[in-house]
Amino acid sequence: MFTNTKYNPTLGSILKVEQLLAKSKEFDSKAQLIKKLDVTMKQSVLNAILRYLEQSGKVLLAEDGSIIWIPASSTAKKSWEQARFL
């Protein structure tokens, strides 16, 4: 999963991002997420973490760059995929 990244994320950094997303529910951009993190994180590490969270079904990465936390519910994910954007 993290084989193509130069900097592999640690469990601690994955948990920090996951907890922040669970608490805030949504961010408009990766830049906004990075500002909220209390640690310095390389962009490649954050991208790897977000890909991991998306593949595990915990976040949705929208086409407009926003990041949305979804609860552990398949119906929430299906509703998001069927939603129409204005």
PDB file of N, CA and C in Angstrom:
ATOM      1  N   MET A   1       0.816  -1.188   0.000  1.00  0.00           N
ATOM      2  CA  MET A   1       0.000   0.000   0.000  1.00  0.00           C
ATOM      3  C   MET A   1       0.863   1.256   0.000  1.00  0.00           C
ATOM      4  N   PHE A   2       1.924   1.286   0.791  1.00  0.00           N
ATOM      5  CA  PHE A   2       2.783   2.459   0.865  1.00  0.00           C
ATOM      6  C   PHE A   2       4.099   2.228   0.133  1.00  0.00           C
ATOM      7  N   THR A   3       4.145   1.305  -0.816  1.00  0.00           N
ATOM      8  CA  THR A   3       5.403   0.942  -1.446  1.00  0.00           C
ATOM      9  C   THR A   3       5.944   2.007  -2.392  1.00  0.00           C
ATOM     10  N   ASN A   4       5.091   2.838  -2.973  1.00  0.00           N
ATOM     11  CA  ASN A   4       5.545   3.843  -3.929  1.00  0.00           C
ATOM     12  C   ASN A   4       5.888   5.175  -3.284  1.00  0.00           C
ATOM     13  N   THR A   5       5.767   5.278  -1.992  1.00  0.00           N
ATOM     14  CA  THR A   5       6.044   6.539  -1.330  1.00  0.00           C
ATOM     15  C   THR A   5       7.467   6.570  -0.817  1.00  0.00           C
ATOM     16  N   LYS A   6       8.090   7.714  -0.970  1.00  0.00           N
ATOM     17  CA  LYS A   6       9.456   7.862  -0.480  1.00  0.00           C
ATOM     18  C   LYS A   6       9.464   7.891   1.046  1.00  0.00           C
ATOM     19  N   TYR A   7       8.472   8.552   1.616  1.00  0.00           N
ATOM     20  CA  TYR A   7       8.369   8.655   3.072  1.00  0.00           C
ATOM     21  C   TYR A   7       7.136   7.888   3.523  1.00  0.00           C
ATOM     22  N   ASN A   8       7.331   6.785   4.185  1.00  0.00           N
ATOM     23  CA  ASN A   8       6.202   5.991   4.665  1.00  0.00           C
ATOM     24  C   ASN A   8       5.658   6.593   5.957  1.00  0.00           C
ATOM     25  N   PRO A   9       4.339   6.667   6.077  1.00  0.00           N
ATOM     26  CA  PRO A   9       3.749   7.223   7.294  1.00  0.00           C
ATOM     27  C   PRO A   9       3.890   6.261   8.473  1.00  0.00           C
ATOM     28  N   THR A  10       4.010   6.828   9.651  1.00  0.00           N
ATOM     29  CA  THR A  10       4.043   6.020  10.862  1.00  0.00           C
ATOM     30  C   THR A  10       2.619   5.807  11.359  1.00  0.00           C
ATOM     31  N   LEU A  11       2.458   4.851  12.238  1.00  0.00           N
ATOM     32  CA  LEU A  11       1.139   4.604  12.817  1.00  0.00           C
ATOM     33  C   LEU A  11       0.646   5.843  13.550  1.00  0.00           C
ATOM     34  N   GLY A  12       1.542   6.526  14.232  1.00  0.00           N
ATOM     35  CA  GLY A  12       1.164   7.739  14.953  1.00  0.00           C
ATOM     36  C   GLY A  12       0.618   8.817  14.039  1.00  0.00           C
ATOM     37  N   SER A  13       1.256   9.016  12.882  1.00  0.00           N
ATOM     38  CA  SER A  13       0.778  10.045  11.957  1.00  0.00           C
ATOM     39  C   SER A  13      -0.554   9.644  11.321  1.00  0.00           C
ATOM     40  N   ILE A  14      -0.727   8.362  11.046  1.00  0.00           N
ATOM     41  CA  ILE A  14      -2.008   7.883  10.509  1.00  0.00           C
ATOM     42  C   ILE A  14      -3.116   8.136  11.525  1.00  0.00           C
ATOM     43  N   LEU A  15      -2.858   7.807  12.777  1.00  0.00           N
ATOM     44  CA  LEU A  15      -3.865   8.003  13.823  1.00  0.00           C
ATOM     45  C   LEU A  15      -4.192   9.473  14.036  1.00  0.00           C
ATOM     46  N   LYS A  16      -3.174  10.350  13.973  1.00  0.00           N
ATOM     47  CA  LYS A  16      -3.429  11.781  14.143  1.00  0.00           C
ATOM     48  C   LYS A  16      -4.359  12.315  13.059  1.00  0.00           C
ATOM     49  N   VAL A  17      -4.084  11.938  11.817  1.00  0.00           N
ATOM     50  CA  VAL A  17      -4.923  12.391  10.710  1.00  0.00           C
ATOM     51  C   VAL A  17      -6.328  11.809  10.850  1.00  0.00           C
ATOM     52  N   GLU A  18      -6.400  10.529  11.179  1.00  0.00           N
ATOM     53  CA  GLU A  18      -7.702   9.867  11.321  1.00  0.00           C
ATOM     54  C   GLU A  18      -8.531  10.504  12.439  1.00  0.00           C
ATOM     55  N   GLN A  19      -7.909  10.785  13.574  1.00  0.00           N
ATOM     56  CA  GLN A  19      -8.631  11.391  14.697  1.00  0.00           C
ATOM     57  C   GLN A  19      -9.090  12.813  14.375  1.00  0.00           C
ATOM     58  N   LEU A  20      -8.246  13.568  13.685  1.00  0.00           N
ATOM     59  CA  LEU A  20      -8.622  14.929  13.315  1.00  0.00           C
ATOM     60  C   LEU A  20      -9.787  14.927  12.327  1.00  0.00           C
ATOM     61  N   LEU A  21      -9.742  14.021  11.373  1.00  0.00           N
ATOM     62  CA  LEU A  21     -10.838  13.915  10.411  1.00  0.00           C
ATOM     63  C   LEU A  21     -12.130  13.474  11.098  1.00  0.00           C
ATOM     64  N   ALA A  22     -12.039  12.525  12.021  1.00  0.00           N
ATOM     65  CA  ALA A  22     -13.227  12.054  12.728  1.00  0.00           C
ATOM     66  C   ALA A  22     -13.839  13.170  13.573  1.00  0.00           C
ATOM     67  N   LYS A  23     -12.995  14.013  14.138  1.00  0.00           N
ATOM     68  CA  LYS A  23     -13.469  15.103  14.986  1.00  0.00           C
ATOM     69  C   LYS A  23     -14.080  16.240  14.153  1.00  0.00           C
ATOM     70  N   SER A  24     -13.420  16.608  13.059  1.00  0.00           N
ATOM     71  CA  SER A  24     -13.851  17.760  12.266  1.00  0.00           C
ATOM     72  C   SER A  24     -14.864  17.412  11.183  1.00  0.00           C
ATOM     73  N   LYS A  25     -14.899  16.167  10.754  1.00  0.00           N
ATOM     74  CA  LYS A  25     -15.841  15.642   9.761  1.00  0.00           C
ATOM     75  C   LYS A  25     -15.534  16.051   8.322  1.00  0.00           C
ATOM     76  N   GLU A  26     -15.067  17.272   8.068  1.00  0.00           N
ATOM     77  CA  GLU A  26     -14.856  17.708   6.688  1.00  0.00           C
ATOM     78  C   GLU A  26     -13.806  18.812   6.620  1.00  0.00           C
ATOM     79  N   PHE A  27     -13.019  18.757   5.556  1.00  0.00           N
ATOM     80  CA  PHE A  27     -12.062  19.816   5.253  1.00  0.00           C
ATOM     81  C   PHE A  27     -12.230  20.187   3.791  1.00  0.00           C
ATOM     82  N   ASP A  28     -12.095  21.467   3.498  1.00  0.00           N
ATOM     83  CA  ASP A  28     -12.259  21.935   2.124  1.00  0.00           C
ATOM     84  C   ASP A  28     -11.077  21.580   1.238  1.00  0.00           C
ATOM     85  N   SER A  29      -9.896  21.401   1.850  1.00  0.00           N
ATOM     86  CA  SER A  29      -8.703  21.113   1.062  1.00  0.00           C
ATOM     87  C   SER A  29      -7.651  20.435   1.937  1.00  0.00           C
ATOM     88  N   LYS A  30      -6.633  19.910   1.284  1.00  0.00           N
ATOM     89  CA  LYS A  30      -5.519  19.312   2.017  1.00  0.00           C
ATOM     90  C   LYS A  30      -4.766  20.381   2.794  1.00  0.00           C
ATOM     91  N   ALA A  31      -4.674  21.580   2.230  1.00  0.00           N
ATOM     92  CA  ALA A  31      -3.990  22.680   2.908  1.00  0.00           C
ATOM     93  C   ALA A  31      -4.670  23.011   4.230  1.00  0.00           C
ATOM     94  N   GLN A  32      -5.987  23.006   4.234  1.00  0.00           N
ATOM     95  CA  GLN A  32      -6.731  23.273   5.462  1.00  0.00           C
ATOM     96  C   GLN A  32      -6.480  22.177   6.493  1.00  0.00           C
ATOM     97  N   LEU A  33      -6.407  20.930   6.037  1.00  0.00           N
ATOM     98  CA  LEU A  33      -6.126  19.811   6.934  1.00  0.00           C
ATOM     99  C   LEU A  33      -4.727  19.936   7.526  1.00  0.00           C
ATOM    100  N   ILE A  34      -3.753  20.281   6.704  1.00  0.00           N
ATOM    101  CA  ILE A  34      -2.373  20.419   7.181  1.00  0.00           C
ATOM    102  C   ILE A  34      -2.268  21.516   8.224  1.00  0.00           C
ATOM    103  N   LYS A  35      -2.990  22.623   8.037  1.00  0.00           N
ATOM    104  CA  LYS A  35      -2.964  23.724   9.010  1.00  0.00           C
ATOM    105  C   LYS A  35      -3.506  23.288  10.365  1.00  0.00           C
ATOM    106  N   LYS A  36      -4.496  22.399  10.356  1.00  0.00           N
ATOM    107  CA  LYS A  36      -5.100  21.944  11.610  1.00  0.00           C
ATOM    108  C   LYS A  36      -4.244  20.915  12.346  1.00  0.00           C
ATOM    109  N   LEU A  37      -3.360  20.228  11.620  1.00  0.00           N
ATOM    110  CA  LEU A  37      -2.507  19.235  12.271  1.00  0.00           C
ATOM    111  C   LEU A  37      -1.511  19.955  13.174  1.00  0.00           C
ATOM    112  N   ASP A  38      -1.230  19.384  14.323  1.00  0.00           N
ATOM    113  CA  ASP A  38      -0.300  20.013  15.251  1.00  0.00           C
ATOM    114  C   ASP A  38       1.153  19.607  14.983  1.00  0.00           C
ATOM    115  N   VAL A  39       1.378  18.883  13.910  1.00  0.00           N
ATOM    116  CA  VAL A  39       2.733  18.448  13.557  1.00  0.00           C
ATOM    117  C   VAL A  39       3.010  18.807  12.102  1.00  0.00           C
ATOM    118  N   THR A  40       4.302  18.870  11.767  1.00  0.00           N
ATOM    119  CA  THR A  40       4.697  19.086  10.384  1.00  0.00           C
ATOM    120  C   THR A  40       4.666  17.750   9.668  1.00  0.00           C
ATOM    121  N   MET A  41       4.044  17.725   8.507  1.00  0.00           N
ATOM    122  CA  MET A  41       3.915  16.476   7.760  1.00  0.00           C
ATOM    123  C   MET A  41       4.186  16.750   6.292  1.00  0.00           C
ATOM    124  N   LYS A  42       4.989  15.915   5.680  1.00  0.00           N
ATOM    125  CA  LYS A  42       5.268  16.062   4.252  1.00  0.00           C
ATOM    126  C   LYS A  42       4.015  15.752   3.448  1.00  0.00           C
ATOM    127  N   GLN A  43       3.886  16.439   2.318  1.00  0.00           N
ATOM    128  CA  GLN A  43       2.721  16.268   1.451  1.00  0.00           C
ATOM    129  C   GLN A  43       2.591  14.820   0.969  1.00  0.00           C
ATOM    130  N   SER A  44       3.721  14.165   0.658  1.00  0.00           N
ATOM    131  CA  SER A  44       3.667  12.783   0.175  1.00  0.00           C
ATOM    132  C   SER A  44       3.162  11.829   1.253  1.00  0.00           C
ATOM    133  N   VAL A  45       3.510  12.099   2.506  1.00  0.00           N
ATOM    134  CA  VAL A  45       3.032  11.266   3.611  1.00  0.00           C
ATOM    135  C   VAL A  45       1.526  11.462   3.796  1.00  0.00           C
ATOM    136  N   LEU A  46       1.072  12.711   3.750  1.00  0.00           N
ATOM    137  CA  LEU A  46      -0.359  12.976   3.888  1.00  0.00           C
ATOM    138  C   LEU A  46      -1.136  12.336   2.741  1.00  0.00           C
ATOM    139  N   ASN A  47      -0.614  12.420   1.530  1.00  0.00           N
ATOM    140  CA  ASN A  47      -1.289  11.798   0.388  1.00  0.00           C
ATOM    141  C   ASN A  47      -1.401  10.285   0.570  1.00  0.00           C
ATOM    142  N   ALA A  48      -0.344   9.652   1.080  1.00  0.00           N
ATOM    143  CA  ALA A  48      -0.373   8.209   1.318  1.00  0.00           C
ATOM    144  C   ALA A  48      -1.404   7.858   2.388  1.00  0.00           C
ATOM    145  N   ILE A  49      -1.484   8.663   3.443  1.00  0.00           N
ATOM    146  CA  ILE A  49      -2.453   8.422   4.514  1.00  0.00           C
ATOM    147  C   ILE A  49      -3.875   8.575   3.976  1.00  0.00           C
ATOM    148  N   LEU A  50      -4.114   9.612   3.187  1.00  0.00           N
ATOM    149  CA  LEU A  50      -5.454   9.832   2.644  1.00  0.00           C
ATOM    150  C   LEU A  50      -5.853   8.719   1.685  1.00  0.00           C
ATOM    151  N   ARG A  51      -4.918   8.228   0.872  1.00  0.00           N
ATOM    152  CA  ARG A  51      -5.220   7.090  -0.011  1.00  0.00           C
ATOM    153  C   ARG A  51      -5.580   5.861   0.814  1.00  0.00           C
ATOM    154  N   TYR A  52      -4.821   5.623   1.892  1.00  0.00           N
ATOM    155  CA  TYR A  52      -5.097   4.485   2.770  1.00  0.00           C
ATOM    156  C   TYR A  52      -6.487   4.611   3.393  1.00  0.00           C
ATOM    157  N   LEU A  53      -6.821   5.787   3.907  1.00  0.00           N
ATOM    158  CA  LEU A  53      -8.123   5.990   4.541  1.00  0.00           C
ATOM    159  C   LEU A  53      -9.263   5.880   3.531  1.00  0.00           C
ATOM    160  N   GLU A  54      -9.013   6.316   2.298  1.00  0.00           N
ATOM    161  CA  GLU A  54     -10.039   6.179   1.260  1.00  0.00           C
ATOM    162  C   GLU A  54     -10.241   4.710   0.892  1.00  0.00           C
ATOM    163  N   GLN A  55      -9.150   3.963   0.760  1.00  0.00           N
ATOM    164  CA  GLN A  55      -9.253   2.547   0.415  1.00  0.00           C
ATOM    165  C   GLN A  55      -9.900   1.737   1.527  1.00  0.00           C
ATOM    166  N   SER A  56      -9.719   2.179   2.777  1.00  0.00           N
ATOM    167  CA  SER A  56     -10.332   1.461   3.894  1.00  0.00           C
ATOM    168  C   SER A  56     -11.770   1.915   4.144  1.00  0.00           C
ATOM    169  N   GLY A  57     -12.254   2.874   3.349  1.00  0.00           N
ATOM    170  CA  GLY A  57     -13.647   3.302   3.450  1.00  0.00           C
ATOM    171  C   GLY A  57     -13.934   4.271   4.574  1.00  0.00           C
ATOM    172  N   LYS A  58     -12.926   4.990   5.054  1.00  0.00           N
ATOM    173  CA  LYS A  58     -13.129   5.919   6.163  1.00  0.00           C
ATOM    174  C   LYS A  58     -13.305   7.361   5.712  1.00  0.00           C
ATOM    175  N   VAL A  59     -12.758   7.703   4.545  1.00  0.00           N
ATOM    176  CA  VAL A  59     -12.916   9.052   4.017  1.00  0.00           C
ATOM    177  C   VAL A  59     -13.304   8.995   2.555  1.00  0.00           C
ATOM    178  N   LEU A  60     -13.860  10.094   2.103  1.00  0.00           N
ATOM    179  CA  LEU A  60     -14.141  10.279   0.685  1.00  0.00           C
ATOM    180  C   LEU A  60     -13.345  11.487   0.223  1.00  0.00           C
ATOM    181  N   LEU A  61     -12.632  11.318  -0.869  1.00  0.00           N
ATOM    182  CA  LEU A  61     -11.884  12.418  -1.454  1.00  0.00           C
ATOM    183  C   LEU A  61     -12.685  12.900  -2.655  1.00  0.00           C
ATOM    184  N   ALA A  62     -13.304  14.052  -2.506  1.00  0.00           N
ATOM    185  CA  ALA A  62     -14.165  14.590  -3.560  1.00  0.00           C
ATOM    186  C   ALA A  62     -13.327  15.180  -4.685  1.00  0.00           C
ATOM    187  N   GLU A  63     -13.953  15.317  -5.844  1.00  0.00           N
ATOM    188  CA  GLU A  63     -13.258  15.852  -7.012  1.00  0.00           C
ATOM    189  C   GLU A  63     -12.822  17.299  -6.823  1.00  0.00           C
ATOM    190  N   ASP A  64     -13.528  18.049  -5.984  1.00  0.00           N
ATOM    191  CA  ASP A  64     -13.165  19.444  -5.757  1.00  0.00           C
ATOM    192  C   ASP A  64     -12.038  19.599  -4.733  1.00  0.00           C
ATOM    193  N   GLY A  65     -11.490  18.491  -4.245  1.00  0.00           N
ATOM    194  CA  GLY A  65     -10.369  18.533  -3.304  1.00  0.00           C
ATOM    195  C   GLY A  65     -10.775  18.452  -1.853  1.00  0.00           C
ATOM    196  N   SER A  66     -12.059  18.439  -1.564  1.00  0.00           N
ATOM    197  CA  SER A  66     -12.491  18.350  -0.171  1.00  0.00           C
ATOM    198  C   SER A  66     -12.336  16.916   0.337  1.00  0.00           C
ATOM    199  N   ILE A  67     -12.182  16.820   1.642  1.00  0.00           N
ATOM    200  CA  ILE A  67     -11.972  15.540   2.317  1.00  0.00           C
ATOM    201  C   ILE A  67     -13.093  15.379   3.325  1.00  0.00           C
ATOM    202  N   ILE A  68     -13.833  14.290   3.221  1.00  0.00           N
ATOM    203  CA  ILE A  68     -15.002  14.089   4.072  1.00  0.00           C
ATOM    204  C   ILE A  68     -14.868  12.784   4.833  1.00  0.00           C
ATOM    205  N   TRP A  69     -14.998  12.868   6.139  1.00  0.00           N
ATOM    206  CA  TRP A  69     -14.999  11.691   7.003  1.00  0.00           C
ATOM    207  C   TRP A  69     -16.368  11.036   6.913  1.00  0.00           C
ATOM    208  N   ILE A  70     -16.391   9.729   6.728  1.00  0.00           N
ATOM    209  CA  ILE A  70     -17.668   9.030   6.729  1.00  0.00           C
ATOM    210  C   ILE A  70     -17.673   8.015   7.856  1.00  0.00           C
ATOM    211  N   PRO A  71     -18.791   7.913   8.555  1.00  0.00           N
ATOM    212  CA  PRO A  71     -18.877   6.911   9.612  1.00  0.00           C
ATOM    213  C   PRO A  71     -18.824   5.512   9.011  1.00  0.00           C
ATOM    214  N   ALA A  72     -18.612   4.547   9.833  1.00  0.00           N
ATOM    215  CA  ALA A  72     -18.515   3.153   9.366  1.00  0.00           C
ATOM    216  C   ALA A  72     -19.885   2.667   8.931  1.00  0.00           C
ATOM    217  N   SER A  73     -20.346   3.175   7.810  1.00  0.00           N
ATOM    218  CA  SER A  73     -21.662   2.831   7.308  1.00  0.00           C
ATOM    219  C   SER A  73     -21.612   2.740   5.793  1.00  0.00           C
ATOM    220  N   SER A  74     -22.006   1.604   5.264  1.00  0.00           N
ATOM    221  CA  SER A  74     -21.997   1.448   3.814  1.00  0.00           C
ATOM    222  C   SER A  74     -23.102   2.281   3.170  1.00  0.00           C
ATOM    223  N   THR A  75     -24.181   2.526   3.899  1.00  0.00           N
ATOM    224  CA  THR A  75     -25.265   3.333   3.328  1.00  0.00           C
ATOM    225  C   THR A  75     -24.831   4.789   3.170  1.00  0.00           C
ATOM    226  N   ALA A  76     -24.029   5.296   4.088  1.00  0.00           N
ATOM    227  CA  ALA A  76     -23.528   6.666   3.966  1.00  0.00           C
ATOM    228  C   ALA A  76     -22.632   6.793   2.744  1.00  0.00           C
ATOM    229  N   LYS A  77     -21.794   5.800   2.512  1.00  0.00           N
ATOM    230  CA  LYS A  77     -20.904   5.830   1.353  1.00  0.00           C
ATOM    231  C   LYS A  77     -21.710   5.752   0.057  1.00  0.00           C
ATOM    232  N   LYS A  78     -22.708   4.890   0.011  1.00  0.00           N
ATOM    233  CA  LYS A  78     -23.549   4.772  -1.187  1.00  0.00           C
ATOM    234  C   LYS A  78     -24.302   6.068  -1.448  1.00  0.00           C
ATOM    235  N   SER A  79     -24.814   6.693  -0.402  1.00  0.00           N
ATOM    236  CA  SER A  79     -25.538   7.961  -0.561  1.00  0.00           C
ATOM    237  C   SER A  79     -24.625   9.028  -1.129  1.00  0.00           C
ATOM    238  N   TRP A  80     -23.388   9.069  -0.664  1.00  0.00           N
ATOM    239  CA  TRP A  80     -22.434  10.064  -1.157  1.00  0.00           C
ATOM    240  C   TRP A  80     -22.136   9.820  -2.644  1.00  0.00           C
ATOM    241  N   GLU A  81     -21.951   8.581  -3.016  1.00  0.00           N
ATOM    242  CA  GLU A  81     -21.619   8.257  -4.396  1.00  0.00           C
ATOM    243  C   GLU A  81     -22.784   8.578  -5.333  1.00  0.00           C
ATOM    244  N   GLN A  82     -24.019   8.520  -4.839  1.00  0.00           N
ATOM    245  CA  GLN A  82     -25.185   8.782  -5.676  1.00  0.00           C
ATOM    246  C   GLN A  82     -25.612  10.254  -5.638  1.00  0.00           C
ATOM    247  N   ALA A  83     -24.992  11.039  -4.782  1.00  0.00           N
ATOM    248  CA  ALA A  83     -25.377  12.447  -4.644  1.00  0.00           C
ATOM    249  C   ALA A  83     -24.982  13.241  -5.890  1.00  0.00           C
ATOM    250  N   ARG A  84     -25.771  14.246  -6.169  1.00  0.00           N
ATOM    251  CA  ARG A  84     -25.480  15.147  -7.275  1.00  0.00           C
ATOM    252  C   ARG A  84     -24.864  16.427  -6.711  1.00  0.00           C
ATOM    253  N   PHE A  85     -23.810  16.857  -7.338  1.00  0.00           N
ATOM    254  CA  PHE A  85     -23.137  18.074  -6.900  1.00  0.00           C
ATOM    255  C   PHE A  85     -23.714  19.280  -7.628  1.00  0.00           C
ATOM    256  N   LEU A  86     -23.874  20.360  -6.897  1.00  0.00           N
ATOM    257  CA  LEU A  86     -24.433  21.571  -7.492  1.00  0.00           C
ATOM    258  C   LEU A  86     -23.346  22.444  -8.058  1.00  0.00           C
TER     259      LEU A  86
END
